[in-house]
Amino acid sequence: MNGCIYVGLLLLAASLLLNTFFHPQVQKSRSLCLLLALTGGMSVILQQDSAGLAAVEAVLGLVLIGCTVLSLLTERHDRRAAQITRRRRAERQCWEEERLQEDLAMVERELENVTENVA
């Protein structure tokens, strides 16, 4: 087996691992993972027997893997930030409801005191 096949198999494996680990949901991340898999597949299918081509393919593959990982990490960070925002919004809403309940109970007590004083 030549170097291009090894590089192609590594790119295919990297694409599979990144898809499995990160579960991309943004189109950019999906496209990068697909491009990574297609690049690896083409390397395996074409089987060019040139050390220079294998080296260039390896460098470009590493750059593509780096871009894909950065995109996936950004996507994961954005999803976590959105989740934290939703959680905080729900907590704030719950706190506001409790506060309204307390205010309502206080008003009812004051109303009872006023009616007792009048009677």
N, C-alpha and C. Protein backbone atom coordinates (compact mmCIF):
# COMPACT_ATOMS: atom_id res chain seq x y z
N MET A 1 0.85 -1.18 0.00
CA MET A 1 0.00 0.00 0.00
C MET A 1 0.89 1.24 0.00
N ASN A 2 0.44 2.26 -0.67
CA ASN A 2 1.24 3.47 -0.74
C ASN A 2 0.75 4.51 0.25
N GLY A 3 1.46 5.64 0.31
CA GLY A 3 1.17 6.68 1.29
C GLY A 3 -0.19 7.32 1.12
N CYS A 4 -0.64 7.47 -0.12
CA CYS A 4 -1.94 8.12 -0.36
C CYS A 4 -3.09 7.31 0.23
N ILE A 5 -2.96 5.99 0.17
CA ILE A 5 -4.02 5.15 0.74
C ILE A 5 -4.06 5.33 2.25
N TYR A 6 -2.87 5.35 2.89
CA TYR A 6 -2.84 5.57 4.33
C TYR A 6 -3.45 6.93 4.70
N VAL A 7 -3.07 7.96 3.97
CA VAL A 7 -3.61 9.30 4.24
C VAL A 7 -5.12 9.29 4.04
N GLY A 8 -5.59 8.67 2.97
CA GLY A 8 -7.03 8.59 2.70
C GLY A 8 -7.77 7.87 3.81
N LEU A 9 -7.22 6.75 4.26
CA LEU A 9 -7.88 6.01 5.34
C LEU A 9 -7.89 6.82 6.64
N LEU A 10 -6.81 7.55 6.90
CA LEU A 10 -6.77 8.39 8.10
C LEU A 10 -7.80 9.53 8.01
N LEU A 11 -7.95 10.12 6.82
CA LEU A 11 -8.95 11.18 6.67
C LEU A 11 -10.37 10.62 6.83
N LEU A 12 -10.62 9.45 6.28
CA LEU A 12 -11.94 8.82 6.46
C LEU A 12 -12.20 8.52 7.93
N ALA A 13 -11.19 7.99 8.62
CA ALA A 13 -11.34 7.69 10.05
C ALA A 13 -11.58 8.97 10.85
N ALA A 14 -10.84 10.03 10.51
CA ALA A 14 -11.01 11.30 11.22
C ALA A 14 -12.43 11.84 11.02
N SER A 15 -12.93 11.75 9.79
CA SER A 15 -14.29 12.22 9.52
C SER A 15 -15.32 11.42 10.32
N LEU A 16 -15.15 10.12 10.35
CA LEU A 16 -16.07 9.27 11.10
C LEU A 16 -16.03 9.58 12.59
N LEU A 17 -14.82 9.73 13.14
CA LEU A 17 -14.69 10.03 14.57
C LEU A 17 -15.28 11.39 14.91
N LEU A 18 -15.02 12.40 14.08
CA LEU A 18 -15.56 13.73 14.36
C LEU A 18 -17.08 13.74 14.28
N ASN A 19 -17.65 13.04 13.29
CA ASN A 19 -19.10 12.95 13.19
C ASN A 19 -19.70 12.22 14.39
N THR A 20 -19.04 11.15 14.82
CA THR A 20 -19.54 10.36 15.94
C THR A 20 -19.43 11.13 17.25
N PHE A 21 -18.33 11.81 17.46
CA PHE A 21 -18.09 12.48 18.73
C PHE A 21 -18.87 13.78 18.88
N PHE A 22 -18.91 14.59 17.82
CA PHE A 22 -19.49 15.93 17.92
C PHE A 22 -20.94 16.02 17.46
N HIS A 23 -21.43 15.10 16.65
CA HIS A 23 -22.80 15.17 16.11
C HIS A 23 -23.10 16.56 15.52
N PRO A 24 -22.43 16.92 14.43
CA PRO A 24 -22.61 18.28 13.88
C PRO A 24 -24.06 18.55 13.47
N GLN A 25 -24.54 19.74 13.80
CA GLN A 25 -25.91 20.14 13.45
C GLN A 25 -25.93 21.38 12.56
N VAL A 26 -24.83 22.12 12.52
CA VAL A 26 -24.74 23.31 11.69
C VAL A 26 -24.25 22.88 10.31
N GLN A 27 -24.80 23.50 9.27
CA GLN A 27 -24.48 23.10 7.90
C GLN A 27 -22.98 23.21 7.60
N LYS A 28 -22.32 24.24 8.11
CA LYS A 28 -20.88 24.41 7.86
C LYS A 28 -20.10 23.23 8.41
N SER A 29 -20.43 22.80 9.61
CA SER A 29 -19.71 21.68 10.23
C SER A 29 -19.99 20.39 9.48
N ARG A 30 -21.23 20.18 9.09
CA ARG A 30 -21.57 18.98 8.31
C ARG A 30 -20.81 18.95 7.00
N SER A 31 -20.75 20.12 6.35
CA SER A 31 -20.07 20.20 5.06
C SER A 31 -18.58 19.91 5.20
N LEU A 32 -17.96 20.43 6.26
CA LEU A 32 -16.54 20.17 6.47
C LEU A 32 -16.28 18.70 6.73
N CYS A 33 -17.13 18.05 7.52
CA CYS A 33 -16.97 16.62 7.77
C CYS A 33 -17.15 15.82 6.48
N LEU A 34 -18.12 16.22 5.67
CA LEU A 34 -18.34 15.54 4.39
C LEU A 34 -17.15 15.76 3.46
N LEU A 35 -16.62 16.97 3.42
CA LEU A 35 -15.45 17.26 2.59
C LEU A 35 -14.25 16.43 3.04
N LEU A 36 -14.11 16.28 4.33
CA LEU A 36 -13.03 15.46 4.88
C LEU A 36 -13.18 14.01 4.42
N ALA A 37 -14.39 13.49 4.49
CA ALA A 37 -14.64 12.11 4.06
C ALA A 37 -14.43 11.96 2.55
N LEU A 38 -14.90 12.93 1.78
CA LEU A 38 -14.73 12.86 0.33
C LEU A 38 -13.25 12.92 -0.07
N THR A 39 -12.49 13.77 0.62
CA THR A 39 -11.06 13.87 0.33
C THR A 39 -10.37 12.54 0.62
N GLY A 40 -10.71 11.94 1.75
CA GLY A 40 -10.13 10.64 2.08
C GLY A 40 -10.56 9.56 1.11
N GLY A 41 -11.82 9.57 0.73
CA GLY A 41 -12.31 8.59 -0.22
C GLY A 41 -11.64 8.71 -1.57
N MET A 42 -11.46 9.94 -2.02
CA MET A 42 -10.78 10.14 -3.31
C MET A 42 -9.33 9.66 -3.24
N SER A 43 -8.67 9.87 -2.11
CA SER A 43 -7.29 9.41 -1.96
C SER A 43 -7.21 7.90 -2.06
N VAL A 44 -8.15 7.23 -1.44
CA VAL A 44 -8.16 5.77 -1.46
C VAL A 44 -8.50 5.27 -2.87
N ILE A 45 -9.49 5.88 -3.50
CA ILE A 45 -9.92 5.42 -4.83
C ILE A 45 -8.84 5.65 -5.89
N LEU A 46 -8.23 6.84 -5.90
CA LEU A 46 -7.26 7.17 -6.94
C LEU A 46 -5.93 6.45 -6.77
N GLN A 47 -5.52 6.19 -5.54
CA GLN A 47 -4.30 5.45 -5.23
C GLN A 47 -3.10 5.94 -6.01
N GLN A 48 -2.86 7.23 -6.01
CA GLN A 48 -1.68 7.78 -6.68
C GLN A 48 -0.42 7.34 -5.93
N ASP A 49 0.60 6.98 -6.68
CA ASP A 49 1.82 6.44 -6.07
C ASP A 49 2.94 7.46 -6.12
N SER A 50 2.75 8.58 -5.44
CA SER A 50 3.77 9.62 -5.43
C SER A 50 3.96 10.09 -4.00
N ALA A 51 5.22 10.09 -3.56
CA ALA A 51 5.52 10.52 -2.19
C ALA A 51 5.21 11.99 -2.00
N GLY A 52 5.48 12.81 -3.02
CA GLY A 52 5.19 14.24 -2.94
C GLY A 52 3.71 14.49 -2.81
N LEU A 53 2.92 13.77 -3.60
CA LEU A 53 1.47 13.93 -3.53
C LEU A 53 0.94 13.49 -2.17
N ALA A 54 1.49 12.40 -1.64
CA ALA A 54 1.07 11.93 -0.32
C ALA A 54 1.39 12.96 0.75
N ALA A 55 2.56 13.61 0.64
CA ALA A 55 2.94 14.62 1.63
C ALA A 55 2.02 15.83 1.55
N VAL A 56 1.75 16.29 0.33
CA VAL A 56 0.85 17.44 0.16
C VAL A 56 -0.54 17.09 0.65
N GLU A 57 -0.99 15.90 0.32
CA GLU A 57 -2.31 15.45 0.76
C GLU A 57 -2.38 15.37 2.28
N ALA A 58 -1.31 14.91 2.91
CA ALA A 58 -1.29 14.80 4.38
C ALA A 58 -1.36 16.19 5.01
N VAL A 59 -0.59 17.15 4.48
CA VAL A 59 -0.61 18.51 5.04
C VAL A 59 -1.99 19.13 4.86
N LEU A 60 -2.54 19.02 3.64
CA LEU A 60 -3.87 19.59 3.41
C LEU A 60 -4.94 18.87 4.25
N GLY A 61 -4.78 17.59 4.44
CA GLY A 61 -5.70 16.84 5.30
C GLY A 61 -5.64 17.31 6.74
N LEU A 62 -4.43 17.57 7.23
CA LEU A 62 -4.29 18.08 8.60
C LEU A 62 -4.93 19.46 8.75
N VAL A 63 -4.74 20.30 7.74
CA VAL A 63 -5.38 21.63 7.77
C VAL A 63 -6.89 21.48 7.77
N LEU A 64 -7.41 20.60 6.94
CA LEU A 64 -8.86 20.37 6.87
C LEU A 64 -9.38 19.81 8.19
N ILE A 65 -8.64 18.89 8.78
CA ILE A 65 -9.04 18.34 10.08
C ILE A 65 -9.06 19.46 11.14
N GLY A 66 -8.04 20.31 11.14
CA GLY A 66 -7.99 21.42 12.09
C GLY A 66 -9.18 22.37 11.93
N CYS A 67 -9.50 22.72 10.69
CA CYS A 67 -10.64 23.60 10.44
C CYS A 67 -11.95 22.95 10.89
N THR A 68 -12.08 21.67 10.61
CA THR A 68 -13.30 20.95 11.00
C THR A 68 -13.44 20.89 12.51
N VAL A 69 -12.35 20.60 13.21
CA VAL A 69 -12.39 20.54 14.68
C VAL A 69 -12.74 21.90 15.26
N LEU A 70 -12.14 22.96 14.74
CA LEU A 70 -12.47 24.30 15.24
C LEU A 70 -13.94 24.64 15.01
N SER A 71 -14.45 24.29 13.85
CA SER A 71 -15.86 24.55 13.55
C SER A 71 -16.77 23.76 14.50
N LEU A 72 -16.41 22.50 14.73
CA LEU A 72 -17.23 21.67 15.62
C LEU A 72 -17.15 22.16 17.07
N LEU A 73 -15.98 22.60 17.51
CA LEU A 73 -15.86 23.13 18.87
C LEU A 73 -16.66 24.42 19.03
N THR A 74 -16.64 25.26 18.01
CA THR A 74 -17.43 26.50 18.05
C THR A 74 -18.92 26.16 18.12
N GLU A 75 -19.34 25.20 17.31
CA GLU A 75 -20.75 24.79 17.33
C GLU A 75 -21.14 24.25 18.70
N ARG A 76 -20.27 23.42 19.28
CA ARG A 76 -20.56 22.86 20.61
C ARG A 76 -20.65 23.97 21.66
N HIS A 77 -19.74 24.94 21.59
CA HIS A 77 -19.77 26.07 22.53
C HIS A 77 -21.07 26.85 22.38
N ASP A 78 -21.49 27.10 21.16
CA ASP A 78 -22.73 27.85 20.92
C ASP A 78 -23.94 27.09 21.46
N ARG A 79 -23.95 25.76 21.28
CA ARG A 79 -25.07 24.97 21.81
C ARG A 79 -25.11 25.03 23.33
N ARG A 80 -23.93 24.94 23.97
CA ARG A 80 -23.89 25.00 25.43
C ARG A 80 -24.32 26.38 25.93
N ALA A 81 -23.87 27.43 25.25
CA ALA A 81 -24.26 28.78 25.65
C ALA A 81 -25.77 28.96 25.52
N ALA A 82 -26.36 28.44 24.47
CA ALA A 82 -27.81 28.53 24.30
C ALA A 82 -28.53 27.75 25.39
N GLN A 83 -27.99 26.59 25.74
CA GLN A 83 -28.60 25.79 26.79
C GLN A 83 -28.54 26.51 28.14
N ILE A 84 -27.41 27.14 28.43
CA ILE A 84 -27.28 27.89 29.69
C ILE A 84 -28.24 29.07 29.70
N THR A 85 -28.38 29.74 28.56
CA THR A 85 -29.31 30.88 28.48
C THR A 85 -30.74 30.42 28.72
N ARG A 86 -31.13 29.30 28.11
CA ARG A 86 -32.48 28.77 28.33
C ARG A 86 -32.70 28.40 29.80
N ARG A 87 -31.69 27.79 30.42
CA ARG A 87 -31.81 27.39 31.82
C ARG A 87 -31.94 28.62 32.71
N ARG A 88 -31.13 29.64 32.46
CA ARG A 88 -31.21 30.86 33.26
C ARG A 88 -32.54 31.56 33.08
N ARG A 89 -33.05 31.57 31.85
CA ARG A 89 -34.34 32.19 31.59
C ARG A 89 -35.44 31.45 32.35
N ALA A 90 -35.39 30.12 32.37
CA ALA A 90 -36.38 29.34 33.10
C ALA A 90 -36.27 29.60 34.61
N GLU A 91 -35.03 29.68 35.13
CA GLU A 91 -34.85 29.97 36.55
C GLU A 91 -35.37 31.35 36.90
N ARG A 92 -35.11 32.32 36.04
CA ARG A 92 -35.58 33.69 36.27
C ARG A 92 -37.10 33.72 36.28
N GLN A 93 -37.71 33.01 35.33
CA GLN A 93 -39.16 32.99 35.27
C GLN A 93 -39.74 32.34 36.52
N CYS A 94 -39.12 31.26 36.99
CA CYS A 94 -39.57 30.59 38.20
C CYS A 94 -39.43 31.53 39.40
N TRP A 95 -38.30 32.24 39.48
CA TRP A 95 -38.09 33.17 40.57
C TRP A 95 -39.13 34.28 40.53
N GLU A 96 -39.45 34.81 39.34
CA GLU A 96 -40.45 35.86 39.22
C GLU A 96 -41.83 35.36 39.63
N GLU A 97 -42.15 34.11 39.28
CA GLU A 97 -43.44 33.55 39.69
C GLU A 97 -43.51 33.42 41.21
N GLU A 98 -42.42 32.97 41.84
CA GLU A 98 -42.39 32.87 43.30
C GLU A 98 -42.55 34.25 43.93
N ARG A 99 -41.87 35.21 43.36
CA ARG A 99 -41.95 36.57 43.88
C ARG A 99 -43.39 37.11 43.77
N LEU A 100 -44.05 36.85 42.64
CA LEU A 100 -45.44 37.28 42.48
C LEU A 100 -46.35 36.58 43.48
N GLN A 101 -46.10 35.30 43.74
CA GLN A 101 -46.90 34.57 44.73
C GLN A 101 -46.73 35.18 46.12
N GLU A 102 -45.47 35.52 46.45
CA GLU A 102 -45.21 36.15 47.75
C GLU A 102 -45.90 37.50 47.84
N ASP A 103 -45.83 38.29 46.77
CA ASP A 103 -46.48 39.60 46.77
C ASP A 103 -47.99 39.45 46.90
N LEU A 104 -48.57 38.46 46.22
CA LEU A 104 -50.01 38.22 46.29
C LEU A 104 -50.42 37.82 47.71
N ALA A 105 -49.61 36.95 48.32
CA ALA A 105 -49.91 36.53 49.70
C ALA A 105 -49.83 37.73 50.65
N MET A 106 -48.86 38.60 50.46
CA MET A 106 -48.72 39.78 51.30
C MET A 106 -49.92 40.71 51.12
N VAL A 107 -50.37 40.91 49.90
CA VAL A 107 -51.52 41.77 49.65
C VAL A 107 -52.77 41.17 50.28
N GLU A 108 -52.93 39.85 50.18
CA GLU A 108 -54.09 39.19 50.78
C GLU A 108 -54.07 39.35 52.30
N ARG A 109 -52.89 39.24 52.93
CA ARG A 109 -52.80 39.43 54.38
C ARG A 109 -53.15 40.87 54.76
N GLU A 110 -52.64 41.82 54.00
CA GLU A 110 -52.96 43.21 54.28
C GLU A 110 -54.46 43.48 54.11
N LEU A 111 -55.05 42.86 53.08
CA LEU A 111 -56.49 43.01 52.87
C LEU A 111 -57.27 42.42 54.04
N GLU A 112 -56.83 41.28 54.55
CA GLU A 112 -57.48 40.68 55.70
C GLU A 112 -57.35 41.60 56.93
N ASN A 113 -56.17 42.18 57.13
CA ASN A 113 -55.96 43.10 58.25
C ASN A 113 -56.87 44.31 58.13
N VAL A 114 -57.02 44.85 56.95
CA VAL A 114 -57.87 46.02 56.73
C VAL A 114 -59.33 45.65 57.01
N THR A 115 -59.79 44.50 56.51
CA THR A 115 -61.18 44.11 56.74
C THR A 115 -61.43 43.83 58.22
N GLU A 116 -60.43 43.28 58.94
CA GLU A 116 -60.59 43.07 60.38
C GLU A 116 -60.67 44.39 61.13
N ASN A 117 -59.88 45.36 60.73
CA ASN A 117 -59.89 46.66 61.37
C ASN A 117 -61.18 47.41 61.12
N VAL A 118 -61.76 47.23 59.95
CA VAL A 118 -63.01 47.91 59.60
C VAL A 118 -64.17 47.27 60.37
N ALA A 119 -64.13 45.99 60.53
CA ALA A 119 -65.23 45.30 61.21
C ALA A 119 -65.14 45.42 62.69
